Every structure is written in structure tokens, then in C-alpha cells.
Amino acid sequence: MTEKICQSCAMRMQDENSYGKNSDGTKTDKFCKYCYPNGSFSKDESLEEMVESCIPFRLNDFPDEKTARECLTKEISQLERWKETM
């Protein structure tokens, strides 16, 4: 099974409890429960704001904050939510 990642923040969705919900309560496999809890995005934020909010959770994946910011900007900008705004 391929691992799903949130198409908003790039969080790895490892189990059913990770998935967000559509407005009718059904699960969406595109977005995580933090980005898309009830049929809409939980925050109206820019790509840059999303990157900044993700850095603390992903710092262990990178040698430093600057590298994390650069890599996350590149990674997150390619996701479905952000492709539509670019």
C-alpha cells in the first residue's frame, strides 16, 4: 500500500484517524484531519504560512531550520492545494 500524504501540508497519513472529513462526514484521502477537519480548510493561509507552521513538526527530518524551510517550500508547493493557487 502506498503511503498517502496530505495534499495541503505533506503530513504522512498513516492510519484512518489521520484523514480529514468532507462536509457530509465522509473521509477524504486527500487531506489530513488538521488541514481539512469538516469539509473545508481549517485555516485560510498562504503557502508561506503553511511552511512556517509545518517546520516545528518536521525539524527532525532536516539538519537545520533554514534547510527545513527551503525543502518544505519546494515540497509543499507541489501539493494539490497549492498548485491550484500558483
PDB file of N, CA and C in Angstrom:
ATOM      1  N   MET A   1       0.840  -1.189   0.000  1.00  0.00           N
ATOM      2  CA  MET A   1       0.000   0.000   0.000  1.00  0.00           C
ATOM      3  C   MET A   1       0.878   1.244   0.000  1.00  0.00           C
ATOM      4  N   THR A   2       0.589   2.164  -0.879  1.00  0.00           N
ATOM      5  CA  THR A   2       1.354   3.392  -0.909  1.00  0.00           C
ATOM      6  C   THR A   2       0.921   4.318   0.213  1.00  0.00           C
ATOM      7  N   GLU A   3       1.893   4.984   0.765  1.00  0.00           N
ATOM      8  CA  GLU A   3       1.601   5.903   1.856  1.00  0.00           C
ATOM      9  C   GLU A   3       0.984   7.174   1.290  1.00  0.00           C
ATOM     10  N   LYS A   4      -0.099   7.595   1.868  1.00  0.00           N
ATOM     11  CA  LYS A   4      -0.763   8.833   1.467  1.00  0.00           C
ATOM     12  C   LYS A   4      -0.147   9.991   2.228  1.00  0.00           C
ATOM     13  N   ILE A   5      -0.049  11.128   1.561  1.00  0.00           N
ATOM     14  CA  ILE A   5       0.362  12.341   2.256  1.00  0.00           C
ATOM     15  C   ILE A   5      -0.707  13.400   2.033  1.00  0.00           C
ATOM     16  N   CYS A   6      -0.881  14.232   3.022  1.00  0.00           N
ATOM     17  CA  CYS A   6      -1.852  15.312   2.933  1.00  0.00           C
ATOM     18  C   CYS A   6      -1.453  16.235   1.790  1.00  0.00           C
ATOM     19  N   GLN A   7      -2.397  16.567   0.939  1.00  0.00           N
ATOM     20  CA  GLN A   7      -2.154  17.423  -0.208  1.00  0.00           C
ATOM     21  C   GLN A   7      -2.228  18.906   0.150  1.00  0.00           C
ATOM     22  N   SER A   8      -2.108  19.194   1.437  1.00  0.00           N
ATOM     23  CA  SER A   8      -2.041  20.565   1.912  1.00  0.00           C
ATOM     24  C   SER A   8      -0.745  20.809   2.687  1.00  0.00           C
ATOM     25  N   CYS A   9      -0.418  19.883   3.615  1.00  0.00           N
ATOM     26  CA  CYS A   9       0.750  20.098   4.491  1.00  0.00           C
ATOM     27  C   CYS A   9       1.845  19.044   4.354  1.00  0.00           C
ATOM     28  N   ALA A  10       1.589  17.988   3.595  1.00  0.00           N
ATOM     29  CA  ALA A  10       2.543  16.888   3.367  1.00  0.00           C
ATOM     30  C   ALA A  10       2.693  15.947   4.558  1.00  0.00           C
ATOM     31  N   MET A  11       1.776  16.016   5.522  1.00  0.00           N
ATOM     32  CA  MET A  11       1.819  15.074   6.631  1.00  0.00           C
ATOM     33  C   MET A  11       1.563  13.667   6.105  1.00  0.00           C
ATOM     34  N   ARG A  12       2.318  12.714   6.623  1.00  0.00           N
ATOM     35  CA  ARG A  12       2.087  11.313   6.270  1.00  0.00           C
ATOM     36  C   ARG A  12       0.841  10.824   7.006  1.00  0.00           C
ATOM     37  N   MET A  13      -0.118  10.332   6.236  1.00  0.00           N
ATOM     38  CA  MET A  13      -1.365   9.857   6.827  1.00  0.00           C
ATOM     39  C   MET A  13      -1.234   8.345   6.982  1.00  0.00           C
ATOM     40  N   GLN A  14      -0.885   7.929   8.194  1.00  0.00           N
ATOM     41  CA  GLN A  14      -0.516   6.544   8.442  1.00  0.00           C
ATOM     42  C   GLN A  14      -1.676   5.640   8.811  1.00  0.00           C
ATOM     43  N   ASP A  15      -2.775   6.192   9.249  1.00  0.00           N
ATOM     44  CA  ASP A  15      -3.924   5.355   9.595  1.00  0.00           C
ATOM     45  C   ASP A  15      -5.216   6.130   9.345  1.00  0.00           C
ATOM     46  N   GLU A  16      -6.321   5.437   9.479  1.00  0.00           N
ATOM     47  CA  GLU A  16      -7.631   6.032   9.195  1.00  0.00           C
ATOM     48  C   GLU A  16      -7.919   7.282  10.019  1.00  0.00           C
ATOM     49  N   ASN A  17      -7.354   7.369  11.211  1.00  0.00           N
ATOM     50  CA  ASN A  17      -7.580   8.529  12.072  1.00  0.00           C
ATOM     51  C   ASN A  17      -6.846   9.776  11.603  1.00  0.00           C
ATOM     52  N   SER A  18      -5.976   9.631  10.623  1.00  0.00           N
ATOM     53  CA  SER A  18      -5.212  10.766  10.100  1.00  0.00           C
ATOM     54  C   SER A  18      -5.987  11.572   9.064  1.00  0.00           C
ATOM     55  N   TYR A  19      -6.985  10.950   8.458  1.00  0.00           N
ATOM     56  CA  TYR A  19      -7.680  11.560   7.331  1.00  0.00           C
ATOM     57  C   TYR A  19      -8.681  12.636   7.757  1.00  0.00           C
ATOM     58  N   GLY A  20      -8.812  13.644   6.903  1.00  0.00           N
ATOM     59  CA  GLY A  20      -9.802  14.682   7.120  1.00  0.00           C
ATOM     60  C   GLY A  20     -11.182  14.200   6.717  1.00  0.00           C
ATOM     61  N   LYS A  21     -12.161  15.081   6.881  1.00  0.00           N
ATOM     62  CA  LYS A  21     -13.550  14.721   6.559  1.00  0.00           C
ATOM     63  C   LYS A  21     -14.174  15.745   5.634  1.00  0.00           C
ATOM     64  N   ASN A  22     -15.008  15.234   4.745  1.00  0.00           N
ATOM     65  CA  ASN A  22     -15.818  16.084   3.887  1.00  0.00           C
ATOM     66  C   ASN A  22     -16.967  16.658   4.707  1.00  0.00           C
ATOM     67  N   SER A  23     -17.689  17.611   4.143  1.00  0.00           N
ATOM     68  CA  SER A  23     -18.786  18.251   4.872  1.00  0.00           C
ATOM     69  C   SER A  23     -19.899  17.279   5.236  1.00  0.00           C
ATOM     70  N   ASP A  24     -20.026  16.164   4.512  1.00  0.00           N
ATOM     71  CA  ASP A  24     -21.048  15.166   4.842  1.00  0.00           C
ATOM     72  C   ASP A  24     -20.550  14.127   5.850  1.00  0.00           C
ATOM     73  N   GLY A  25     -19.319  14.321   6.360  1.00  0.00           N
ATOM     74  CA  GLY A  25     -18.770  13.422   7.371  1.00  0.00           C
ATOM     75  C   GLY A  25     -17.973  12.254   6.824  1.00  0.00           C
ATOM     76  N   THR A  26     -17.980  12.081   5.507  1.00  0.00           N
ATOM     77  CA  THR A  26     -17.193  11.002   4.922  1.00  0.00           C
ATOM     78  C   THR A  26     -15.717  11.371   4.910  1.00  0.00           C
ATOM     79  N   LYS A  27     -14.880  10.364   4.903  1.00  0.00           N
ATOM     80  CA  LYS A  27     -13.429  10.550   4.918  1.00  0.00           C
ATOM     81  C   LYS A  27     -12.939  11.047   3.559  1.00  0.00           C
ATOM     82  N   THR A  28     -11.972  11.937   3.585  1.00  0.00           N
ATOM     83  CA  THR A  28     -11.273  12.323   2.369  1.00  0.00           C
ATOM     84  C   THR A  28      -9.851  11.796   2.463  1.00  0.00           C
ATOM     85  N   ASP A  29      -9.365  11.219   1.393  1.00  0.00           N
ATOM     86  CA  ASP A  29      -7.994  10.709   1.420  1.00  0.00           C
ATOM     87  C   ASP A  29      -6.999  11.713   0.850  1.00  0.00           C
ATOM     88  N   LYS A  30      -7.466  12.923   0.575  1.00  0.00           N
ATOM     89  CA  LYS A  30      -6.576  13.967   0.047  1.00  0.00           C
ATOM     90  C   LYS A  30      -5.928  14.816   1.135  1.00  0.00           C
ATOM     91  N   PHE A  31      -6.649  15.061   2.212  1.00  0.00           N
ATOM     92  CA  PHE A  31      -6.180  15.998   3.225  1.00  0.00           C
ATOM     93  C   PHE A  31      -6.245  15.382   4.623  1.00  0.00           C
ATOM     94  N   CYS A  32      -5.364  15.843   5.499  1.00  0.00           N
ATOM     95  CA  CYS A  32      -5.323  15.325   6.870  1.00  0.00           C
ATOM     96  C   CYS A  32      -6.391  15.992   7.744  1.00  0.00           C
ATOM     97  N   LYS A  33      -6.560  15.418   8.926  1.00  0.00           N
ATOM     98  CA  LYS A  33      -7.582  15.906   9.856  1.00  0.00           C
ATOM     99  C   LYS A  33      -7.277  17.299  10.394  1.00  0.00           C
ATOM    100  N   TYR A  34      -6.032  17.722  10.326  1.00  0.00           N
ATOM    101  CA  TYR A  34      -5.675  19.056  10.817  1.00  0.00           C
ATOM    102  C   TYR A  34      -5.954  20.127   9.764  1.00  0.00           C
ATOM    103  N   CYS A  35      -5.718  19.798   8.514  1.00  0.00           N
ATOM    104  CA  CYS A  35      -5.940  20.774   7.438  1.00  0.00           C
ATOM    105  C   CYS A  35      -7.395  20.836   6.992  1.00  0.00           C
ATOM    106  N   TYR A  36      -8.092  19.714   7.051  1.00  0.00           N
ATOM    107  CA  TYR A  36      -9.435  19.614   6.466  1.00  0.00           C
ATOM    108  C   TYR A  36     -10.353  18.825   7.393  1.00  0.00           C
ATOM    109  N   PRO A  37     -10.713  19.404   8.528  1.00  0.00           N
ATOM    110  CA  PRO A  37     -11.471  18.643   9.539  1.00  0.00           C
ATOM    111  C   PRO A  37     -12.954  18.434   9.241  1.00  0.00           C
ATOM    112  N   ASN A  38     -13.590  19.358   8.531  1.00  0.00           N
ATOM    113  CA  ASN A  38     -15.050  19.295   8.359  1.00  0.00           C
ATOM    114  C   ASN A  38     -15.528  19.811   7.008  1.00  0.00           C
ATOM    115  N   GLY A  39     -14.843  19.443   5.952  1.00  0.00           N
ATOM    116  CA  GLY A  39     -15.301  19.849   4.624  1.00  0.00           C
ATOM    117  C   GLY A  39     -14.724  21.145   4.116  1.00  0.00           C
ATOM    118  N   SER A  40     -13.844  21.745   4.880  1.00  0.00           N
ATOM    119  CA  SER A  40     -13.147  22.943   4.413  1.00  0.00           C
ATOM    120  C   SER A  40     -11.824  23.045   5.167  1.00  0.00           C
ATOM    121  N   PHE A  41     -10.945  23.866   4.635  1.00  0.00           N
ATOM    122  CA  PHE A  41      -9.649  24.025   5.283  1.00  0.00           C
ATOM    123  C   PHE A  41      -9.804  24.739   6.621  1.00  0.00           C
ATOM    124  N   SER A  42      -9.061  24.288   7.601  1.00  0.00           N
ATOM    125  CA  SER A  42      -9.179  24.842   8.948  1.00  0.00           C
ATOM    126  C   SER A  42      -8.620  26.254   9.039  1.00  0.00           C
ATOM    127  N   LYS A  43      -7.684  26.585   8.156  1.00  0.00           N
ATOM    128  CA  LYS A  43      -7.104  27.934   8.140  1.00  0.00           C
ATOM    129  C   LYS A  43      -7.046  28.453   6.717  1.00  0.00           C
ATOM    130  N   ASP A  44      -7.314  29.717   6.571  1.00  0.00           N
ATOM    131  CA  ASP A  44      -7.116  30.391   5.295  1.00  0.00           C
ATOM    132  C   ASP A  44      -5.723  30.995   5.372  1.00  0.00           C
ATOM    133  N   GLU A  45      -4.745  30.263   4.853  1.00  0.00           N
ATOM    134  CA  GLU A  45      -3.364  30.709   4.987  1.00  0.00           C
ATOM    135  C   GLU A  45      -2.632  30.617   3.662  1.00  0.00           C
ATOM    136  N   SER A  46      -1.537  31.315   3.580  1.00  0.00           N
ATOM    137  CA  SER A  46      -0.709  31.298   2.388  1.00  0.00           C
ATOM    138  C   SER A  46       0.240  30.099   2.436  1.00  0.00           C
ATOM    139  N   LEU A  47       0.864  29.820   1.329  1.00  0.00           N
ATOM    140  CA  LEU A  47       1.870  28.765   1.271  1.00  0.00           C
ATOM    141  C   LEU A  47       2.974  29.022   2.293  1.00  0.00           C
ATOM    142  N   GLU A  48       3.425  30.247   2.374  1.00  0.00           N
ATOM    143  CA  GLU A  48       4.493  30.601   3.307  1.00  0.00           C
ATOM    144  C   GLU A  48       4.071  30.357   4.761  1.00  0.00           C
ATOM    145  N   GLU A  49       2.837  30.693   5.083  1.00  0.00           N
ATOM    146  CA  GLU A  49       2.329  30.455   6.435  1.00  0.00           C
ATOM    147  C   GLU A  49       2.240  28.958   6.731  1.00  0.00           C
ATOM    148  N   MET A  50       1.829  28.180   5.735  1.00  0.00           N
ATOM    149  CA  MET A  50       1.763  26.726   5.909  1.00  0.00           C
ATOM    150  C   MET A  50       3.159  26.165   6.180  1.00  0.00           C
ATOM    151  N   VAL A  51       4.132  26.589   5.406  1.00  0.00           N
ATOM    152  CA  VAL A  51       5.505  26.124   5.602  1.00  0.00           C
ATOM    153  C   VAL A  51       5.970  26.446   7.014  1.00  0.00           C
ATOM    154  N   GLU A  52       5.754  27.667   7.456  1.00  0.00           N
ATOM    155  CA  GLU A  52       6.186  28.071   8.800  1.00  0.00           C
ATOM    156  C   GLU A  52       5.511  27.241   9.890  1.00  0.00           C
ATOM    157  N   SER A  53       4.241  26.911   9.690  1.00  0.00           N
ATOM    158  CA  SER A  53       3.551  26.119  10.711  1.00  0.00           C
ATOM    159  C   SER A  53       3.996  24.656  10.693  1.00  0.00           C
ATOM    160  N   CYS A  54       4.531  24.176   9.588  1.00  0.00           N
ATOM    161  CA  CYS A  54       4.987  22.784   9.480  1.00  0.00           C
ATOM    162  C   CYS A  54       6.415  22.585   9.982  1.00  0.00           C
ATOM    163  N   ILE A  55       7.219  23.613   9.949  1.00  0.00           N
ATOM    164  CA  ILE A  55       8.631  23.479  10.324  1.00  0.00           C
ATOM    165  C   ILE A  55       8.828  22.812  11.686  1.00  0.00           C
ATOM    166  N   PRO A  56       8.152  23.232  12.749  1.00  0.00           N
ATOM    167  CA  PRO A  56       8.403  22.591  14.057  1.00  0.00           C
ATOM    168  C   PRO A  56       8.153  21.076  14.065  1.00  0.00           C
ATOM    169  N   PHE A  57       7.215  20.625  13.244  1.00  0.00           N
ATOM    170  CA  PHE A  57       6.875  19.205  13.211  1.00  0.00           C
ATOM    171  C   PHE A  57       7.838  18.390  12.354  1.00  0.00           C
ATOM    172  N   ARG A  58       8.590  19.063  11.498  1.00  0.00           N
ATOM    173  CA  ARG A  58       9.467  18.359  10.567  1.00  0.00           C
ATOM    174  C   ARG A  58      10.953  18.648  10.777  1.00  0.00           C
ATOM    175  N   LEU A  59      11.306  19.388  11.820  1.00  0.00           N
ATOM    176  CA  LEU A  59      12.709  19.739  12.048  1.00  0.00           C
ATOM    177  C   LEU A  59      13.626  18.525  12.139  1.00  0.00           C
ATOM    178  N   ASN A  60      13.136  17.418  12.676  1.00  0.00           N
ATOM    179  CA  ASN A  60      13.968  16.220  12.797  1.00  0.00           C
ATOM    180  C   ASN A  60      14.335  15.619  11.446  1.00  0.00           C
ATOM    181  N   ASP A  61      13.630  16.006  10.395  1.00  0.00           N
ATOM    182  CA  ASP A  61      13.900  15.491   9.058  1.00  0.00           C
ATOM    183  C   ASP A  61      15.016  16.252   8.340  1.00  0.00           C
ATOM    184  N   PHE A  62      15.474  17.357   8.925  1.00  0.00           N
ATOM    185  CA  PHE A  62      16.438  18.231   8.259  1.00  0.00           C
ATOM    186  C   PHE A  62      17.544  18.643   9.218  1.00  0.00           C
ATOM    187  N   PRO A  63      18.706  19.037   8.676  1.00  0.00           N
ATOM    188  CA  PRO A  63      19.818  19.409   9.555  1.00  0.00           C
ATOM    189  C   PRO A  63      19.608  20.711  10.324  1.00  0.00           C
ATOM    190  N   ASP A  64      18.813  21.636   9.763  1.00  0.00           N
ATOM    191  CA  ASP A  64      18.581  22.910  10.433  1.00  0.00           C
ATOM    192  C   ASP A  64      17.301  23.556   9.905  1.00  0.00           C
ATOM    193  N   GLU A  65      16.904  24.647  10.546  1.00  0.00           N
ATOM    194  CA  GLU A  65      15.642  25.312  10.201  1.00  0.00           C
ATOM    195  C   GLU A  65      15.665  25.910   8.792  1.00  0.00           C
ATOM    196  N   LYS A  66      16.792  26.448   8.388  1.00  0.00           N
ATOM    197  CA  LYS A  66      16.896  27.046   7.050  1.00  0.00           C
ATOM    198  C   LYS A  66      16.678  25.980   5.967  1.00  0.00           C
ATOM    199  N   THR A  67      17.318  24.848   6.139  1.00  0.00           N
ATOM    200  CA  THR A  67      17.163  23.753   5.178  1.00  0.00           C
ATOM    201  C   THR A  67      15.730  23.238   5.199  1.00  0.00           C
ATOM    202  N   ALA A  68      15.148  23.133   6.388  1.00  0.00           N
ATOM    203  CA  ALA A  68      13.759  22.697   6.507  1.00  0.00           C
ATOM    204  C   ALA A  68      12.842  23.638   5.731  1.00  0.00           C
ATOM    205  N   ARG A  69      13.029  24.927   5.892  1.00  0.00           N
ATOM    206  CA  ARG A  69      12.192  25.927   5.215  1.00  0.00           C
ATOM    207  C   ARG A  69      12.323  25.784   3.689  1.00  0.00           C
ATOM    208  N   GLU A  70      13.540  25.655   3.204  1.00  0.00           N
ATOM    209  CA  GLU A  70      13.765  25.531   1.760  1.00  0.00           C
ATOM    210  C   GLU A  70      13.135  24.262   1.202  1.00  0.00           C
ATOM    211  N   CYS A  71      13.371  23.146   1.874  1.00  0.00           N
ATOM    212  CA  CYS A  71      12.852  21.857   1.398  1.00  0.00           C
ATOM    213  C   CYS A  71      11.336  21.783   1.502  1.00  0.00           C
ATOM    214  N   LEU A  72      10.793  22.268   2.597  1.00  0.00           N
ATOM    215  CA  LEU A  72       9.338  22.238   2.763  1.00  0.00           C
ATOM    216  C   LEU A  72       8.640  23.157   1.768  1.00  0.00           C
ATOM    217  N   THR A  73       9.231  24.293   1.474  1.00  0.00           N
ATOM    218  CA  THR A  73       8.646  25.188   0.471  1.00  0.00           C
ATOM    219  C   THR A  73       8.570  24.481  -0.869  1.00  0.00           C
ATOM    220  N   LYS A  74       9.635  23.805  -1.231  1.00  0.00           N
ATOM    221  CA  LYS A  74       9.664  23.075  -2.504  1.00  0.00           C
ATOM    222  C   LYS A  74       8.646  21.923  -2.481  1.00  0.00           C
ATOM    223  N   GLU A  75       8.629  21.155  -1.404  1.00  0.00           N
ATOM    224  CA  GLU A  75       7.733  20.000  -1.292  1.00  0.00           C
ATOM    225  C   GLU A  75       6.263  20.412  -1.259  1.00  0.00           C
ATOM    226  N   ILE A  76       5.923  21.333  -0.384  1.00  0.00           N
ATOM    227  CA  ILE A  76       4.528  21.717  -0.189  1.00  0.00           C
ATOM    228  C   ILE A  76       3.968  22.454  -1.405  1.00  0.00           C
ATOM    229  N   SER A  77       4.793  23.229  -2.081  1.00  0.00           N
ATOM    230  CA  SER A  77       4.309  23.972  -3.251  1.00  0.00           C
ATOM    231  C   SER A  77       3.850  23.050  -4.381  1.00  0.00           C
ATOM    232  N   GLN A  78       4.268  21.792  -4.356  1.00  0.00           N
ATOM    233  CA  GLN A  78       3.877  20.834  -5.388  1.00  0.00           C
ATOM    234  C   GLN A  78       2.592  20.075  -5.062  1.00  0.00           C
ATOM    235  N   LEU A  79       2.046  20.298  -3.886  1.00  0.00           N
ATOM    236  CA  LEU A  79       0.838  19.589  -3.470  1.00  0.00           C
ATOM    237  C   LEU A  79      -0.408  20.199  -4.102  1.00  0.00           C
ATOM    238  N   GLU A  80      -1.445  19.407  -4.166  1.00  0.00           N
ATOM    239  CA  GLU A  80      -2.679  19.797  -4.855  1.00  0.00           C
ATOM    240  C   GLU A  80      -3.238  21.143  -4.405  1.00  0.00           C
ATOM    241  N   ARG A  81      -3.296  21.379  -3.103  1.00  0.00           N
ATOM    242  CA  ARG A  81      -3.870  22.638  -2.612  1.00  0.00           C
ATOM    243  C   ARG A  81      -3.123  23.843  -3.151  1.00  0.00           C
ATOM    244  N   TRP A  82      -1.827  23.773  -3.222  1.00  0.00           N
ATOM    245  CA  TRP A  82      -1.007  24.931  -3.570  1.00  0.00           C
ATOM    246  C   TRP A  82      -0.770  25.056  -5.063  1.00  0.00           C
ATOM    247  N   LYS A  83      -0.823  23.978  -5.793  1.00  0.00           N
ATOM    248  CA  LYS A  83      -0.688  24.027  -7.263  1.00  0.00           C
ATOM    249  C   LYS A  83      -1.803  24.881  -7.851  1.00  0.00           C
ATOM    250  N   GLU A  84      -2.996  24.766  -7.257  1.00  0.00           N
ATOM    251  CA  GLU A  84      -4.160  25.500  -7.750  1.00  0.00           C
ATOM    252  C   GLU A  84      -4.030  27.011  -7.553  1.00  0.00           C
ATOM    253  N   THR A  85      -3.220  27.435  -6.591  1.00  0.00           N
ATOM    254  CA  THR A  85      -3.100  28.860  -6.300  1.00  0.00           C
ATOM    255  C   THR A  85      -1.921  29.499  -7.021  1.00  0.00           C
ATOM    256  N   MET A  86      -1.135  28.704  -7.694  1.00  0.00           N
ATOM    257  CA  MET A  86       0.074  29.237  -8.331  1.00  0.00           C
ATOM    258  C   MET A  86      -0.130  29.459  -9.800  1.00  0.00           C
TER     259      MET A  86
END
